[in-house]
């Protein structure tokens, strides 16, 4: 009789340990997904910054082209209107200076863009490496817990995926709102797992 009781206690302890381990791993999955979302947001911010720099360059190129047109106009006028030499010379100097300023600004922005591009490439490389690592971690956690995440739809604070019961070949999709209380979310998922395994 004692042996039976000890056996039951041992089974209960093992079940409890497995349940706690699964919940811990589910919580870890939430943290990994959160990091994945953060990296995706950073990549979006970088893309916006690149667009802003490109717009600055485009704006300066337009100004440069206008100044070049003015420069050409002054040159033509100089050939045709000798009696207005002084004014033409002044306009010519102003146009030439404006062009020089534009060229310097464009060059400066181009250098800024190149430096920015290097930073983006490094960040992209780091981000891709991190995302790849996170995917591998979550895959391992999924094998243990039965919770499979849909990375492509994990956006805007939403967590989607499905719970799989291997022994009964059942699948149930889920959608959760990402919150600070990962313990509560782990409990919610664990309830789905238990429900799927017992029905």
N, C-alpha and C. Protein backbone atom coordinates (compact mmCIF):
# COMPACT_ATOMS: atom_id res chain seq x y z
N UNK A 1 0.83 -1.21 0.00
CA UNK A 1 0.00 0.00 0.00
C UNK A 1 0.86 1.26 0.00
N UNK A 2 1.90 1.24 0.87
CA UNK A 2 2.83 2.37 0.94
C UNK A 2 3.50 2.60 -0.41
N UNK A 3 3.83 1.47 -1.06
CA UNK A 3 4.50 1.56 -2.36
C UNK A 3 3.60 2.25 -3.38
N UNK A 4 2.27 1.89 -3.33
CA UNK A 4 1.32 2.53 -4.25
C UNK A 4 1.21 4.03 -3.99
N UNK A 5 1.15 4.39 -2.70
CA UNK A 5 1.06 5.81 -2.32
C UNK A 5 2.29 6.58 -2.77
N UNK A 6 3.46 5.96 -2.53
CA UNK A 6 4.71 6.60 -2.95
C UNK A 6 4.76 6.77 -4.47
N UNK A 7 4.27 5.75 -5.17
CA UNK A 7 4.24 5.81 -6.63
C UNK A 7 3.36 6.94 -7.13
N UNK A 8 2.16 7.08 -6.49
CA UNK A 8 1.24 8.16 -6.87
C UNK A 8 1.84 9.53 -6.57
N UNK A 9 2.50 9.62 -5.40
CA UNK A 9 3.15 10.89 -5.03
C UNK A 9 4.22 11.27 -6.05
N UNK A 10 4.98 10.25 -6.45
CA UNK A 10 6.06 10.49 -7.41
C UNK A 10 5.49 10.96 -8.76
N UNK A 11 4.38 10.32 -9.18
CA UNK A 11 3.74 10.71 -10.45
C UNK A 11 3.22 12.14 -10.37
N UNK A 12 2.59 12.48 -9.20
CA UNK A 12 2.06 13.83 -9.01
C UNK A 12 3.19 14.87 -9.05
N UNK A 13 4.31 14.53 -8.38
CA UNK A 13 5.45 15.45 -8.36
C UNK A 13 6.00 15.67 -9.77
N UNK A 14 6.12 14.57 -10.51
CA UNK A 14 6.63 14.67 -11.88
C UNK A 14 5.71 15.52 -12.76
N UNK A 15 4.38 15.30 -12.57
CA UNK A 15 3.40 16.08 -13.34
C UNK A 15 3.49 17.56 -12.98
N UNK A 16 3.66 17.83 -11.67
CA UNK A 16 3.77 19.22 -11.20
C UNK A 16 5.02 19.88 -11.76
N UNK A 17 6.14 19.15 -11.71
CA UNK A 17 7.41 19.68 -12.23
C UNK A 17 7.30 19.98 -13.72
N UNK A 18 6.67 19.04 -14.46
CA UNK A 18 6.51 19.24 -15.90
C UNK A 18 5.63 20.45 -16.19
N UNK A 19 4.55 20.59 -15.40
CA UNK A 19 3.64 21.72 -15.59
C UNK A 19 4.36 23.04 -15.34
N UNK A 20 5.12 23.11 -14.23
CA UNK A 20 5.84 24.35 -13.90
C UNK A 20 6.91 24.66 -14.95
N UNK A 21 7.59 23.60 -15.42
CA UNK A 21 8.62 23.80 -16.44
C UNK A 21 7.99 24.32 -17.74
N UNK A 22 6.83 23.75 -18.08
CA UNK A 22 6.14 24.19 -19.30
C UNK A 22 5.71 25.64 -19.19
N UNK A 23 5.17 26.01 -18.03
CA UNK A 23 4.73 27.40 -17.82
C UNK A 23 5.92 28.36 -17.92
N UNK A 24 7.06 27.94 -17.33
CA UNK A 24 8.26 28.79 -17.38
C UNK A 24 8.72 28.97 -18.82
N UNK A 25 8.65 27.88 -19.59
CA UNK A 25 9.09 27.96 -20.99
C UNK A 25 8.12 28.80 -21.82
N UNK A 26 6.83 28.72 -21.50
CA UNK A 26 5.85 29.55 -22.20
C UNK A 26 6.14 31.03 -21.91
N UNK A 27 6.45 31.34 -20.64
CA UNK A 27 6.78 32.73 -20.27
C UNK A 27 8.03 33.20 -21.01
N UNK A 28 9.00 32.29 -21.14
CA UNK A 28 10.22 32.61 -21.88
C UNK A 28 9.89 32.89 -23.34
N UNK A 29 8.94 32.11 -23.89
CA UNK A 29 8.51 32.34 -25.28
C UNK A 29 7.96 33.74 -25.46
N UNK A 30 7.16 34.20 -24.47
CA UNK A 30 6.61 35.55 -24.53
C UNK A 30 7.73 36.59 -24.60
N UNK A 31 8.76 36.40 -23.78
CA UNK A 31 9.89 37.35 -23.75
C UNK A 31 10.60 37.38 -25.09
N UNK A 32 10.79 36.19 -25.68
CA UNK A 32 11.47 36.10 -26.97
C UNK A 32 10.65 36.80 -28.06
N UNK A 33 9.33 36.55 -28.05
CA UNK A 33 8.45 37.20 -29.03
C UNK A 33 8.49 38.72 -28.87
N UNK A 34 8.56 39.18 -27.61
CA UNK A 34 8.63 40.62 -27.33
C UNK A 34 9.89 41.22 -27.96
N UNK A 35 11.02 40.51 -27.81
CA UNK A 35 12.28 40.97 -28.40
C UNK A 35 12.16 41.01 -29.93
N UNK A 36 11.51 40.00 -30.49
CA UNK A 36 11.31 39.94 -31.94
C UNK A 36 10.53 41.16 -32.42
N UNK A 37 9.46 41.50 -31.68
CA UNK A 37 8.64 42.68 -32.03
C UNK A 37 9.45 43.97 -31.93
N UNK A 38 10.31 44.06 -30.87
CA UNK A 38 11.12 45.26 -30.68
C UNK A 38 12.08 45.46 -31.85
N UNK A 39 12.72 44.36 -32.29
CA UNK A 39 13.66 44.44 -33.40
C UNK A 39 12.94 44.85 -34.69
N UNK A 40 11.73 44.31 -34.89
CA UNK A 40 10.94 44.68 -36.07
C UNK A 40 10.63 46.16 -36.07
N UNK A 41 10.30 46.71 -34.88
CA UNK A 41 9.99 48.14 -34.75
C UNK A 41 11.22 48.98 -35.03
N UNK A 42 12.40 48.54 -34.51
CA UNK A 42 13.65 49.27 -34.75
C UNK A 42 13.95 49.33 -36.25
N UNK A 43 13.74 48.19 -36.93
CA UNK A 43 14.00 48.15 -38.37
C UNK A 43 13.10 49.14 -39.10
N UNK A 44 11.85 49.25 -38.64
CA UNK A 44 10.90 50.19 -39.25
C UNK A 44 11.34 51.63 -39.02
N UNK A 45 11.84 51.92 -37.79
CA UNK A 45 12.33 53.27 -37.46
C UNK A 45 13.52 53.65 -38.33
N UNK A 46 14.43 52.69 -38.53
CA UNK A 46 15.62 52.93 -39.37
C UNK A 46 15.19 53.25 -40.80
N UNK A 47 14.21 52.50 -41.29
CA UNK A 47 13.71 52.72 -42.64
C UNK A 47 13.14 54.13 -42.78
N UNK A 48 12.42 54.60 -41.75
CA UNK A 48 11.84 55.96 -41.76
C UNK A 48 12.95 57.01 -41.79
N UNK A 49 14.00 56.79 -40.97
CA UNK A 49 15.12 57.75 -40.92
C UNK A 49 15.83 57.82 -42.27
N UNK A 50 16.01 56.66 -42.91
CA UNK A 50 16.66 56.63 -44.22
C UNK A 50 15.83 57.42 -45.24
N UNK A 51 14.52 57.27 -45.15
CA UNK A 51 13.62 57.98 -46.07
C UNK A 51 13.75 59.49 -45.88
N UNK A 52 13.86 59.93 -44.61
CA UNK A 52 13.99 61.37 -44.32
C UNK A 52 15.28 61.93 -44.89
N UNK A 53 16.39 61.18 -44.74
CA UNK A 53 17.68 61.63 -45.28
C UNK A 53 17.61 61.71 -46.80
N UNK A 54 16.98 60.69 -47.42
CA UNK A 54 16.85 60.68 -48.87
C UNK A 54 16.03 61.87 -49.37
N UNK A 55 14.97 62.21 -48.61
CA UNK A 55 14.13 63.36 -48.97
C UNK A 55 14.94 64.66 -48.92
N UNK A 56 15.84 64.76 -47.91
CA UNK A 56 16.71 65.94 -47.80
C UNK A 56 17.61 66.06 -49.03
N UNK A 57 18.18 64.92 -49.43
CA UNK A 57 19.06 64.91 -50.61
C UNK A 57 18.27 65.32 -51.85
N UNK A 58 17.08 64.74 -52.02
CA UNK A 58 16.24 65.06 -53.19
C UNK A 58 15.92 66.56 -53.23
N UNK A 59 15.59 67.12 -52.05
CA UNK A 59 15.25 68.54 -51.96
C UNK A 59 16.43 69.41 -52.39
N UNK A 60 17.64 69.02 -51.92
CA UNK A 60 18.83 69.80 -52.27
C UNK A 60 19.20 69.65 -53.74
N UNK A 61 18.94 68.49 -54.30
CA UNK A 61 19.21 68.28 -55.73
C UNK A 61 18.29 69.18 -56.56
N UNK A 62 17.02 69.29 -56.14
CA UNK A 62 16.06 70.17 -56.84
C UNK A 62 16.55 71.62 -56.77
N UNK A 63 16.97 72.05 -55.57
CA UNK A 63 17.49 73.42 -55.39
C UNK A 63 18.72 73.63 -56.27
N UNK A 64 19.60 72.62 -56.30
CA UNK A 64 20.82 72.68 -57.11
C UNK A 64 20.46 72.88 -58.59
N UNK A 65 19.48 72.12 -59.07
CA UNK A 65 19.07 72.23 -60.47
C UNK A 65 18.51 73.62 -60.79
N UNK A 66 17.74 74.17 -59.84
CA UNK A 66 17.18 75.52 -60.02
C UNK A 66 18.30 76.56 -60.11
N UNK A 67 19.30 76.40 -59.20
CA UNK A 67 20.42 77.35 -59.19
C UNK A 67 21.23 77.23 -60.48
N UNK A 68 21.36 76.00 -60.98
CA UNK A 68 22.08 75.80 -62.24
C UNK A 68 21.35 76.50 -63.39
N UNK A 69 20.01 76.43 -63.36
CA UNK A 69 19.21 77.10 -64.40
C UNK A 69 19.41 78.61 -64.32
N UNK A 70 19.42 79.13 -63.07
CA UNK A 70 19.64 80.57 -62.87
C UNK A 70 21.04 80.97 -63.33
N UNK A 71 22.00 80.10 -63.05
CA UNK A 71 23.40 80.32 -63.44
C UNK A 71 23.50 80.43 -64.96
N UNK A 72 22.81 79.52 -65.66
CA UNK A 72 22.83 79.53 -67.13
C UNK A 72 22.17 80.80 -67.67
N UNK A 73 21.06 81.20 -67.00
CA UNK A 73 20.36 82.41 -67.42
C UNK A 73 21.25 83.64 -67.30
N UNK A 74 22.00 83.69 -66.20
CA UNK A 74 22.91 84.82 -65.98
C UNK A 74 24.01 84.82 -67.03
N UNK A 75 24.52 83.64 -67.37
CA UNK A 75 25.59 83.53 -68.38
C UNK A 75 25.10 84.03 -69.74
N UNK A 76 23.87 83.62 -70.12
CA UNK A 76 23.29 84.08 -71.39
C UNK A 76 23.11 85.59 -71.39
N UNK A 77 22.61 86.10 -70.25
CA UNK A 77 22.38 87.54 -70.15
C UNK A 77 23.68 88.32 -70.27
N UNK A 78 24.76 87.75 -69.72
CA UNK A 78 26.06 88.42 -69.76
C UNK A 78 26.52 88.62 -71.20
N UNK A 79 26.22 87.67 -72.06
CA UNK A 79 26.65 87.74 -73.45
C UNK A 79 25.83 88.77 -74.24
N UNK A 80 24.56 88.98 -73.82
CA UNK A 80 23.66 89.82 -74.60
C UNK A 80 23.53 91.25 -74.08
N UNK A 81 23.83 91.47 -72.82
CA UNK A 81 23.55 92.78 -72.22
C UNK A 81 24.80 93.36 -71.57
N UNK A 82 25.70 93.87 -72.38
CA UNK A 82 26.97 94.37 -71.88
C UNK A 82 26.79 95.60 -70.99
N UNK A 83 25.71 96.37 -71.23
CA UNK A 83 25.50 97.59 -70.46
C UNK A 83 25.06 97.30 -69.03
N UNK A 84 24.76 96.06 -68.72
CA UNK A 84 24.35 95.73 -67.35
C UNK A 84 25.39 94.82 -66.70
N UNK A 85 26.65 95.05 -67.06
CA UNK A 85 27.74 94.20 -66.58
C UNK A 85 27.78 94.07 -65.06
N UNK A 86 27.61 95.21 -64.39
CA UNK A 86 27.76 95.20 -62.93
C UNK A 86 26.71 94.31 -62.27
N UNK A 87 25.44 94.53 -62.68
CA UNK A 87 24.36 93.73 -62.09
C UNK A 87 24.52 92.25 -62.44
N UNK A 88 24.89 92.02 -63.69
CA UNK A 88 25.07 90.64 -64.14
C UNK A 88 26.17 89.96 -63.34
N UNK A 89 27.25 90.70 -63.13
CA UNK A 89 28.37 90.14 -62.36
C UNK A 89 27.94 89.78 -60.95
N UNK A 90 27.12 90.69 -60.37
CA UNK A 90 26.62 90.44 -59.02
C UNK A 90 25.72 89.19 -59.00
N UNK A 91 24.79 89.12 -59.98
CA UNK A 91 23.90 87.96 -60.07
C UNK A 91 24.69 86.68 -60.33
N UNK A 92 25.67 86.82 -61.20
CA UNK A 92 26.52 85.68 -61.55
C UNK A 92 27.24 85.14 -60.31
N UNK A 93 27.81 86.06 -59.54
CA UNK A 93 28.53 85.68 -58.31
C UNK A 93 27.59 85.01 -57.32
N UNK A 94 26.39 85.61 -57.17
CA UNK A 94 25.40 85.05 -56.25
C UNK A 94 24.99 83.64 -56.67
N UNK A 95 24.72 83.49 -57.98
CA UNK A 95 24.31 82.17 -58.49
C UNK A 95 25.42 81.14 -58.30
N UNK A 96 26.65 81.58 -58.60
CA UNK A 96 27.79 80.66 -58.46
C UNK A 96 27.97 80.22 -57.00
N UNK A 97 27.79 81.18 -56.08
CA UNK A 97 27.93 80.87 -54.65
C UNK A 97 26.82 79.93 -54.18
N UNK A 98 25.60 80.20 -54.68
CA UNK A 98 24.46 79.34 -54.32
C UNK A 98 24.68 77.91 -54.79
N UNK A 99 25.21 77.78 -56.01
CA UNK A 99 25.50 76.45 -56.55
C UNK A 99 26.56 75.75 -55.71
N UNK A 100 27.58 76.50 -55.34
CA UNK A 100 28.66 75.93 -54.52
C UNK A 100 28.11 75.46 -53.18
N UNK A 101 27.25 76.30 -52.58
CA UNK A 101 26.64 75.93 -51.29
C UNK A 101 25.79 74.67 -51.42
N UNK A 102 25.02 74.61 -52.51
CA UNK A 102 24.18 73.43 -52.75
C UNK A 102 25.03 72.17 -52.93
N UNK A 103 26.11 72.33 -53.69
CA UNK A 103 27.00 71.18 -53.92
C UNK A 103 27.58 70.67 -52.60
N UNK A 104 27.99 71.62 -51.76
CA UNK A 104 28.55 71.24 -50.45
C UNK A 104 27.50 70.53 -49.59
N UNK A 105 26.27 71.07 -49.61
CA UNK A 105 25.19 70.49 -48.80
C UNK A 105 24.85 69.08 -49.30
N UNK A 106 24.78 68.94 -50.63
CA UNK A 106 24.48 67.62 -51.21
C UNK A 106 25.59 66.63 -50.85
N UNK A 107 26.83 67.09 -50.96
CA UNK A 107 27.97 66.21 -50.63
C UNK A 107 27.92 65.79 -49.16
N UNK A 108 27.59 66.77 -48.32
CA UNK A 108 27.49 66.50 -46.88
C UNK A 108 26.40 65.47 -46.60
N UNK A 109 25.25 65.66 -47.25
CA UNK A 109 24.13 64.72 -47.06
C UNK A 109 24.46 63.33 -47.61
N UNK A 110 25.18 63.31 -48.73
CA UNK A 110 25.59 62.02 -49.30
C UNK A 110 26.50 61.26 -48.35
N UNK A 111 27.45 61.99 -47.75
CA UNK A 111 28.35 61.37 -46.77
C UNK A 111 27.57 60.87 -45.56
N UNK A 112 26.60 61.70 -45.14
CA UNK A 112 25.75 61.32 -44.01
C UNK A 112 24.96 60.05 -44.35
N UNK A 113 24.47 59.99 -45.59
CA UNK A 113 23.71 58.83 -46.06
C UNK A 113 24.58 57.58 -46.08
N UNK A 114 25.83 57.74 -46.54
CA UNK A 114 26.75 56.60 -46.58
C UNK A 114 27.04 56.07 -45.18
N UNK A 115 27.30 57.00 -44.25
CA UNK A 115 27.55 56.60 -42.86
C UNK A 115 26.32 55.93 -42.27
N UNK A 116 25.17 56.52 -42.55
CA UNK A 116 23.91 55.98 -42.05
C UNK A 116 23.67 54.58 -42.62
N UNK A 117 23.99 54.43 -43.90
CA UNK A 117 23.82 53.14 -44.57
C UNK A 117 24.67 52.06 -43.92
N UNK A 118 25.90 52.44 -43.52
CA UNK A 118 26.78 51.48 -42.84
C UNK A 118 26.18 51.04 -41.51
N UNK A 119 25.63 52.03 -40.77
CA UNK A 119 24.99 51.73 -39.49
C UNK A 119 23.80 50.79 -39.71
N UNK A 120 23.01 51.10 -40.73
CA UNK A 120 21.82 50.28 -41.04
C UNK A 120 22.23 48.85 -41.37
N UNK A 121 23.28 48.72 -42.20
CA UNK A 121 23.74 47.37 -42.59
C UNK A 121 24.18 46.57 -41.37
N UNK A 122 24.91 47.25 -40.45
CA UNK A 122 25.35 46.56 -39.23
C UNK A 122 24.15 46.15 -38.39
N UNK A 123 23.20 47.10 -38.25
CA UNK A 123 22.01 46.80 -37.44
C UNK A 123 21.18 45.69 -38.07
N UNK A 124 21.07 45.74 -39.40
CA UNK A 124 20.31 44.70 -40.11
C UNK A 124 20.94 43.34 -39.88
N UNK A 125 22.28 43.29 -39.98
CA UNK A 125 23.00 42.03 -39.78
C UNK A 125 22.78 41.51 -38.37
N UNK A 126 22.91 42.42 -37.37
CA UNK A 126 22.69 42.03 -35.97
C UNK A 126 21.25 41.58 -35.76
N UNK A 127 20.31 42.34 -36.33
CA UNK A 127 18.89 42.03 -36.16
C UNK A 127 18.55 40.67 -36.75
N UNK A 128 19.07 40.41 -37.96
CA UNK A 128 18.79 39.13 -38.61
C UNK A 128 19.35 37.97 -37.79
N UNK A 129 20.56 38.18 -37.24
CA UNK A 129 21.17 37.14 -36.41
C UNK A 129 20.34 36.89 -35.16
N UNK A 130 19.86 38.02 -34.54
CA UNK A 130 19.04 37.88 -33.33
C UNK A 130 17.72 37.19 -33.63
N UNK A 131 17.07 37.63 -34.72
CA UNK A 131 15.78 37.03 -35.10
C UNK A 131 15.95 35.54 -35.35
N UNK A 132 17.04 35.17 -36.03
CA UNK A 132 17.30 33.76 -36.31
C UNK A 132 17.48 32.98 -35.01
N UNK A 133 18.22 33.58 -34.06
CA UNK A 133 18.42 32.92 -32.75
C UNK A 133 17.10 32.77 -32.02
N UNK A 134 16.28 33.85 -32.04
CA UNK A 134 14.99 33.80 -31.35
C UNK A 134 14.09 32.72 -31.95
N UNK A 135 14.10 32.63 -33.28
CA UNK A 135 13.27 31.61 -33.94
C UNK A 135 13.70 30.20 -33.50
N UNK A 136 15.01 29.99 -33.41
CA UNK A 136 15.51 28.67 -33.00
C UNK A 136 15.12 28.35 -31.56
N UNK A 137 15.23 29.39 -30.69
CA UNK A 137 14.86 29.18 -29.28
C UNK A 137 13.39 28.83 -29.17
N UNK A 138 12.54 29.63 -29.88
CA UNK A 138 11.10 29.39 -29.80
C UNK A 138 10.75 28.02 -30.38
N UNK A 139 11.46 27.60 -31.42
CA UNK A 139 11.20 26.28 -32.01
C UNK A 139 11.45 25.18 -30.99
N UNK A 140 12.57 25.31 -30.25
CA UNK A 140 12.89 24.32 -29.21
C UNK A 140 11.83 24.33 -28.11
N UNK A 141 11.42 25.55 -27.71
CA UNK A 141 10.39 25.67 -26.68
C UNK A 141 9.07 25.07 -27.17
N UNK A 142 8.78 25.27 -28.45
CA UNK A 142 7.54 24.74 -29.02
C UNK A 142 7.51 23.22 -28.97
N UNK A 143 8.66 22.61 -29.27
CA UNK A 143 8.74 21.14 -29.25
C UNK A 143 8.43 20.61 -27.85
N UNK A 144 8.83 21.35 -26.84
CA UNK A 144 8.62 20.90 -25.46
C UNK A 144 7.22 21.20 -24.98
N UNK A 145 6.73 22.41 -25.26
CA UNK A 145 5.44 22.85 -24.68
C UNK A 145 4.23 22.54 -25.56
N UNK A 146 4.45 22.37 -26.87
CA UNK A 146 3.31 22.17 -27.76
C UNK A 146 2.68 23.47 -28.22
N UNK A 147 3.32 24.61 -27.87
CA UNK A 147 2.82 25.93 -28.28
C UNK A 147 3.65 26.41 -29.48
N UNK A 148 3.00 26.57 -30.61
CA UNK A 148 3.69 26.97 -31.84
C UNK A 148 3.26 28.40 -32.22
N UNK A 149 4.28 29.25 -32.45
CA UNK A 149 4.01 30.68 -32.70
C UNK A 149 4.05 31.00 -34.18
N UNK A 150 3.15 31.88 -34.59
CA UNK A 150 3.16 32.38 -35.96
C UNK A 150 3.91 33.72 -35.97
N UNK A 151 5.20 33.67 -36.27
CA UNK A 151 6.04 34.88 -36.22
C UNK A 151 5.53 35.98 -37.14
N UNK A 152 5.07 35.58 -38.33
CA UNK A 152 4.67 36.58 -39.33
C UNK A 152 3.46 37.39 -38.90
N UNK A 153 2.64 36.84 -38.01
CA UNK A 153 1.45 37.58 -37.58
C UNK A 153 1.60 38.19 -36.18
N UNK A 154 2.79 38.04 -35.58
CA UNK A 154 3.02 38.60 -34.23
C UNK A 154 3.39 40.08 -34.36
N UNK A 155 2.38 40.90 -34.58
CA UNK A 155 2.59 42.34 -34.74
C UNK A 155 1.56 43.10 -33.91
N UNK A 156 1.84 44.37 -33.66
CA UNK A 156 0.90 45.26 -32.96
C UNK A 156 0.47 44.71 -31.61
N UNK A 157 1.40 44.07 -30.91
CA UNK A 157 1.08 43.57 -29.57
C UNK A 157 0.21 42.33 -29.56
N UNK A 158 -0.05 41.74 -30.73
CA UNK A 158 -0.86 40.52 -30.80
C UNK A 158 0.06 39.31 -30.91
N UNK A 159 -0.30 38.26 -30.19
CA UNK A 159 0.44 37.01 -30.26
C UNK A 159 -0.49 35.93 -30.81
N UNK A 160 -0.07 35.33 -31.92
CA UNK A 160 -0.91 34.30 -32.54
C UNK A 160 -0.11 33.02 -32.72
N UNK A 161 -0.82 31.93 -32.78
CA UNK A 161 -0.19 30.64 -32.99
C UNK A 161 -1.21 29.54 -32.79
N UNK A 162 -0.71 28.35 -32.47
CA UNK A 162 -1.63 27.26 -32.19
C UNK A 162 -1.01 26.31 -31.17
N UNK A 163 -1.88 25.61 -30.46
CA UNK A 163 -1.45 24.60 -29.50
C UNK A 163 -1.70 23.24 -30.12
N UNK A 164 -0.69 22.38 -30.02
CA UNK A 164 -0.79 21.06 -30.65
C UNK A 164 -0.71 19.96 -29.61
N UNK A 165 -1.67 19.05 -29.67
CA UNK A 165 -1.64 17.86 -28.80
C UNK A 165 -1.14 16.70 -29.65
N UNK A 166 0.11 16.30 -29.44
CA UNK A 166 0.72 15.28 -30.30
C UNK A 166 0.06 13.92 -30.15
N UNK A 167 -0.26 13.56 -28.91
CA UNK A 167 -0.81 12.22 -28.67
C UNK A 167 -2.19 12.05 -29.30
N UNK A 168 -2.98 13.14 -29.35
CA UNK A 168 -4.34 13.05 -29.89
C UNK A 168 -4.45 13.70 -31.28
N UNK A 169 -3.33 14.19 -31.78
CA UNK A 169 -3.28 14.85 -33.10
C UNK A 169 -4.33 15.96 -33.22
N UNK A 170 -4.40 16.79 -32.19
CA UNK A 170 -5.35 17.92 -32.20
C UNK A 170 -4.59 19.24 -32.26
N UNK A 171 -5.22 20.20 -32.88
CA UNK A 171 -4.63 21.55 -32.98
C UNK A 171 -5.69 22.58 -32.62
N UNK A 172 -5.29 23.60 -31.85
CA UNK A 172 -6.22 24.69 -31.54
C UNK A 172 -5.49 26.03 -31.68
N UNK A 173 -5.98 26.90 -32.57
CA UNK A 173 -5.34 28.22 -32.72
C UNK A 173 -5.65 29.12 -31.52
N UNK A 174 -4.80 30.11 -31.29
CA UNK A 174 -5.05 31.08 -30.21
C UNK A 174 -4.58 32.46 -30.64
N UNK A 175 -5.12 33.47 -29.97
CA UNK A 175 -4.68 34.86 -30.16
C UNK A 175 -4.70 35.54 -28.80
N UNK A 176 -3.56 36.14 -28.42
CA UNK A 176 -3.46 36.82 -27.13
C UNK A 176 -2.92 38.23 -27.34
N UNK A 177 -3.28 39.11 -26.42
CA UNK A 177 -2.73 40.46 -26.42
C UNK A 177 -1.49 40.46 -25.53
N UNK A 178 -0.35 40.92 -26.07
CA UNK A 178 0.89 40.93 -25.30
C UNK A 178 0.79 41.96 -24.17
N UNK A 179 0.98 41.51 -22.94
CA UNK A 179 0.93 42.40 -21.77
C UNK A 179 2.17 42.19 -20.92
N UNK A 180 2.28 43.00 -19.86
CA UNK A 180 3.41 42.87 -18.93
C UNK A 180 3.29 41.61 -18.09
N UNK A 181 2.06 41.16 -17.86
CA UNK A 181 1.82 40.01 -16.98
C UNK A 181 1.97 38.70 -17.76
N UNK A 182 3.23 38.29 -17.93
CA UNK A 182 3.49 37.07 -18.69
C UNK A 182 3.03 35.82 -17.94
N UNK A 183 3.02 35.91 -16.60
CA UNK A 183 2.55 34.79 -15.80
C UNK A 183 1.09 34.48 -16.10
N UNK A 184 0.28 35.53 -16.20
CA UNK A 184 -1.14 35.37 -16.49
C UNK A 184 -1.34 34.79 -17.89
N UNK A 185 -0.55 35.29 -18.85
CA UNK A 185 -0.66 34.78 -20.21
C UNK A 185 -0.23 33.32 -20.30
N UNK A 186 0.80 32.97 -19.54
CA UNK A 186 1.25 31.57 -19.51
C UNK A 186 0.14 30.68 -18.96
N UNK A 187 -0.56 31.18 -17.93
CA UNK A 187 -1.68 30.42 -17.36
C UNK A 187 -2.79 30.23 -18.40
N UNK A 188 -3.07 31.30 -19.16
CA UNK A 188 -4.10 31.21 -20.20
C UNK A 188 -3.75 30.13 -21.22
N UNK A 189 -2.50 30.15 -21.66
CA UNK A 189 -2.07 29.15 -22.64
C UNK A 189 -2.08 27.75 -22.04
N UNK A 190 -1.67 27.66 -20.78
CA UNK A 190 -1.65 26.36 -20.12
C UNK A 190 -3.07 25.79 -20.02
N UNK A 191 -4.05 26.65 -19.80
CA UNK A 191 -5.45 26.22 -19.75
C UNK A 191 -5.88 25.63 -21.10
N UNK A 192 -5.43 26.28 -22.18
CA UNK A 192 -5.75 25.77 -23.53
C UNK A 192 -5.10 24.40 -23.73
N UNK A 193 -3.83 24.28 -23.29
CA UNK A 193 -3.11 23.01 -23.43
C UNK A 193 -3.82 21.90 -22.66
N UNK A 194 -4.19 22.19 -21.41
CA UNK A 194 -4.87 21.18 -20.59
C UNK A 194 -6.21 20.80 -21.19
N UNK A 195 -6.95 21.80 -21.65
CA UNK A 195 -8.27 21.55 -22.24
C UNK A 195 -8.14 20.67 -23.48
N UNK A 196 -7.13 20.95 -24.29
CA UNK A 196 -6.91 20.20 -25.52
C UNK A 196 -6.50 18.76 -25.23
N UNK A 197 -5.72 18.58 -24.17
CA UNK A 197 -5.21 17.24 -23.83
C UNK A 197 -6.23 16.37 -23.10
N UNK A 198 -7.25 16.99 -22.52
CA UNK A 198 -8.21 16.21 -21.73
C UNK A 198 -9.50 15.90 -22.48
N UNK A 199 -9.79 16.68 -23.53
CA UNK A 199 -11.05 16.45 -24.26
C UNK A 199 -10.90 15.35 -25.28
